[in-house]
Protein backbone atom coordinates (compact mmCIF):
# COMPACT_ATOMS: atom_id res chain seq x y z
CA MET A 1 -6.76 18.45 11.12
CA PHE A 2 -3.24 16.70 9.05
CA ALA A 3 -2.94 14.00 7.46
CA ALA A 4 -0.36 11.72 5.12
CA SER A 5 -1.71 9.76 2.67
CA ILE A 6 -1.70 7.70 -0.36
CA ASN A 7 -2.85 8.43 -3.53
CA ASN A 8 -4.77 11.12 -1.75
CA ILE A 9 -6.40 8.87 0.78
CA SER A 10 -5.60 8.72 4.35
CA PHE A 11 -6.18 5.55 5.75
CA SER A 12 -8.55 5.30 8.65
CA LEU A 13 -8.47 2.18 10.73
CA PRO A 14 -12.32 0.86 11.75
CA ASN A 15 -12.96 -0.29 14.94
CA THR A 16 -13.77 -3.77 14.01
CA ALA A 17 -11.25 -6.30 13.16
CA LEU A 18 -10.90 -6.34 9.31
CA LEU A 19 -9.77 -10.03 8.61
CA GLN A 20 -12.02 -11.39 10.73
CA SER A 21 -14.82 -9.37 9.88
CA HIS A 22 -13.79 -10.12 5.80
CA PHE A 23 -13.83 -13.69 6.82
CA PHE A 24 -17.43 -14.45 8.17
CA GLY A 25 -18.85 -11.81 5.89
CA GLN A 26 -19.19 -9.33 8.02
CA SER A 27 -17.35 -6.42 6.35
CA PHE A 28 -20.56 -4.59 4.47
CA GLY A 29 -19.97 -1.31 5.11
CA LEU A 30 -16.72 -1.38 7.22
CA TYR A 31 -14.19 -0.72 4.08
CA SER A 32 -14.69 0.51 0.42
CA PRO A 33 -12.98 -2.20 -2.79
CA ASN A 34 -12.33 1.29 -4.29
CA PHE A 35 -8.78 2.20 -3.09
CA PRO A 36 -8.12 4.81 -6.97
CA ASN A 37 -4.35 2.45 -8.88
CA SER A 38 -3.04 6.64 -8.79
CA PRO A 39 -2.91 9.80 -6.58
CA LEU A 40 -6.52 11.56 -7.70
CA PHE A 41 -5.29 14.85 -7.97
CA PRO A 42 -1.31 14.42 -9.58
CA PHE A 43 1.11 17.55 -9.50
CA ASN A 44 4.80 18.00 -9.44
CA TYR A 45 5.75 15.71 -6.34
CA THR A 46 9.51 17.13 -5.77
CA GLY A 47 8.38 20.28 -6.68
CA THR A 48 6.42 23.30 -5.31
CA PRO A 49 3.45 21.93 -3.19
CA PRO A 50 -0.07 22.93 -4.52
CA ASN A 51 -2.06 24.93 -2.32
CA ASN A 52 -4.75 22.53 -1.62
CA THR A 53 -3.23 19.44 -0.72
CA MET A 54 -6.52 18.01 0.89
CA VAL A 55 -6.79 14.52 1.49
CA SER A 56 -10.14 11.89 1.89
CA ASN A 57 -10.02 10.16 5.08
CA GLY A 58 -11.20 6.36 4.34
CA THR A 59 -10.87 2.62 4.43
CA LYS A 60 -10.29 1.87 1.35
CA LEU A 61 -8.54 -1.45 -0.18
CA VAL A 62 -7.42 -2.82 -3.31
CA VAL A 63 -8.67 -5.73 -3.77
CA LEU A 64 -6.97 -8.75 -6.04
CA PRO A 65 -7.44 -11.89 -7.43
CA PHE A 66 -5.18 -14.69 -5.82
CA ASN A 67 -1.92 -14.84 -7.85
CA THR A 68 -2.24 -11.60 -9.24
CA SER A 69 1.60 -9.84 -10.84
CA VAL A 70 1.32 -6.32 -9.03
CA GLU A 71 3.99 -3.71 -9.79
CA LEU A 72 3.20 -0.88 -7.53
CA VAL A 73 5.49 2.83 -7.66
CA MET A 74 5.96 4.49 -4.43
CA GLN A 75 7.01 8.61 -4.51
CA ASP A 76 7.99 10.94 -1.83
CA THR A 77 6.51 14.62 -2.13
CA SER A 78 7.27 17.35 -0.84
CA ILE A 79 3.91 18.26 0.66
CA LEU A 80 5.89 19.33 4.20
CA GLY A 81 9.55 18.33 2.80
CA ALA A 82 10.96 16.13 0.92
CA GLU A 83 11.30 12.89 3.69
CA SER A 84 12.46 8.99 3.53
CA HIS A 85 10.00 6.75 4.10
CA PRO A 86 10.94 2.55 4.88
CA LEU A 87 7.85 1.15 3.60
CA HIS A 88 6.51 -2.46 5.20
CA LEU A 89 4.28 -4.35 3.30
CA HIS A 90 3.04 -7.28 5.44
CA GLY A 91 2.18 -10.96 4.25
CA PHE A 92 4.38 -10.91 1.30
CA ASN A 93 8.15 -10.30 0.40
CA PHE A 94 8.50 -7.93 -2.86
CA PHE A 95 11.35 -7.59 -5.41
CA VAL A 96 12.19 -3.58 -5.37
CA VAL A 97 12.69 -2.76 -9.18
CA GLY A 98 13.74 0.54 -9.41
CA GLN A 99 14.56 3.77 -7.40
CA GLY A 100 15.09 7.28 -8.35
CA PHE A 101 15.17 10.76 -8.04
CA GLY A 102 12.67 13.43 -8.65
CA ASN A 103 9.27 12.40 -10.70
CA PHE A 104 8.81 9.00 -11.16
CA ASP A 105 8.65 9.23 -15.44
CA PRO A 106 6.29 6.00 -16.77
CA ASN A 107 7.06 6.47 -19.70
CA LYS A 108 11.15 6.83 -19.47
CA ASP A 109 12.12 4.55 -15.69
CA PRO A 110 10.64 1.29 -16.55
CA ALA A 111 13.20 0.96 -19.14
CA LYS A 112 15.58 0.54 -16.28
CA PHE A 113 14.25 -1.56 -14.20
CA ASN A 114 16.33 -4.41 -12.81
CA LEU A 115 14.31 -7.48 -13.74
CA VAL A 116 17.18 -10.00 -13.88
CA ASP A 117 18.51 -10.12 -9.79
CA PRO A 118 16.08 -7.44 -7.63
CA ILE A 119 16.71 -7.57 -4.10
CA GLU A 120 13.78 -8.94 -2.04
CA ARG A 121 12.80 -7.06 0.87
CA ASN A 122 9.56 -6.59 2.50
CA THR A 123 10.77 -2.72 3.36
CA VAL A 124 11.81 -0.56 1.35
CA GLY A 125 13.21 3.17 2.19
CA VAL A 126 11.43 5.32 -0.70
CA PRO A 127 13.75 7.84 -1.04
CA SER A 128 13.56 11.74 -0.34
CA GLY A 129 12.68 13.37 -3.32
CA GLY A 130 12.21 10.37 -5.06
CA TRP A 131 11.03 6.75 -6.07
CA ALA A 132 10.58 3.24 -5.61
CA ALA A 133 9.22 0.24 -7.71
CA ILE A 134 8.60 -2.70 -6.58
CA ARG A 135 6.97 -6.10 -7.50
CA PHE A 136 5.62 -8.88 -5.51
CA LEU A 137 3.09 -11.93 -6.55
CA ALA A 138 -0.64 -11.54 -4.41
CA ASP A 139 -0.41 -15.39 -3.60
CA ASN A 140 -1.37 -15.04 0.67
CA PRO A 141 -5.24 -14.29 0.52
CA GLY A 142 -6.02 -12.25 3.64
CA ILE A 143 -5.92 -8.70 4.35
CA TRP A 144 -2.31 -7.28 4.70
CA PHE A 145 -1.42 -3.90 5.48
CA MET A 146 1.17 -1.52 3.55
CA HIS A 147 2.56 1.27 6.13
CA CYS A 148 5.86 3.70 6.80
CA HIS A 149 7.54 2.37 9.65
CA LEU A 150 7.84 6.00 11.07
CA GLU A 151 5.25 5.14 13.44
CA ILE A 152 4.23 9.28 13.77
CA HIS A 153 3.42 8.84 9.40
CA THR A 154 1.21 5.51 10.49
CA SER A 155 -0.74 7.56 12.36
CA TRP A 156 -1.44 10.43 10.18
CA GLY A 157 -2.86 7.71 7.69
CA LEU A 158 0.35 7.24 5.52
CA LYS A 159 -0.96 3.41 5.10
CA MET A 160 -3.29 0.86 2.63
CA ALA A 161 -4.46 -2.09 2.84
CA TRP A 162 -4.83 -5.12 0.05
CA LEU A 163 -7.42 -7.39 0.17
CA VAL A 164 -5.71 -10.78 -1.46
CA LEU A 165 -9.31 -12.73 -2.67
CA ASP A 166 -8.61 -17.10 -1.98
CA GLY A 167 -7.85 -18.98 -4.70
CA ASN A 168 -9.76 -22.18 -6.55
CA PHE A 169 -8.04 -24.66 -4.56
CA PRO A 170 -7.64 -25.17 -0.34
CA ASN A 171 -4.35 -24.43 -0.10
CA GLN A 172 -5.63 -20.95 -1.59
CA LYS A 173 -7.65 -20.39 0.33
CA LEU A 174 -8.03 -18.07 3.71
CA LEU A 175 -7.86 -20.43 6.86
CA PRO A 176 -10.23 -20.04 9.64
CA PRO A 177 -9.13 -18.98 12.81
CA PRO A 178 -8.29 -20.32 15.54
CA ALA A 179 -10.91 -22.29 17.57
CA ASP A 180 -9.22 -20.77 20.51
CA LEU A 181 -8.60 -17.38 19.34
CA PRO A 182 -9.44 -14.56 22.49
CA LYS A 183 -12.17 -12.91 21.92
CA CYS A 184 -11.70 -8.84 22.31
């Protein structure tokens, strides 16, 4: 089976709504809170792809405490040929602090980040054969998807989800579903 992935995880949508099951405390076994922070099998992302590009399928989420500052670097790979990916984050705007071509270098590239006046977006184009770095504040409790806006890639699993936990105050908590929410 062919799959796309983020950090070697091809996201599988469950049959139950993630947000509703989380709110009602019925999410045990529905998802795993251990989405990896980096690719499980790093390689030269813009070079010749490795022979084994198998990924794991799963419903794994990144769990963030309320008000966490998040920095995320998204790297295009050459597995099927370099291609630009418009990645969209639900529930937040983010700041695009850097973009470049080739492999992201964590020792050199952050020094070139624009931390003065970065553009604010909810979708960023990860350049073909390159990378994009974003920052956002996880201040909106709930479960939020990030996915490629090329529908075929999303259907292959090029998506992930963030679970932002409630804060301490009433205005920092996930509101209940409306009483008139239609049942599926």
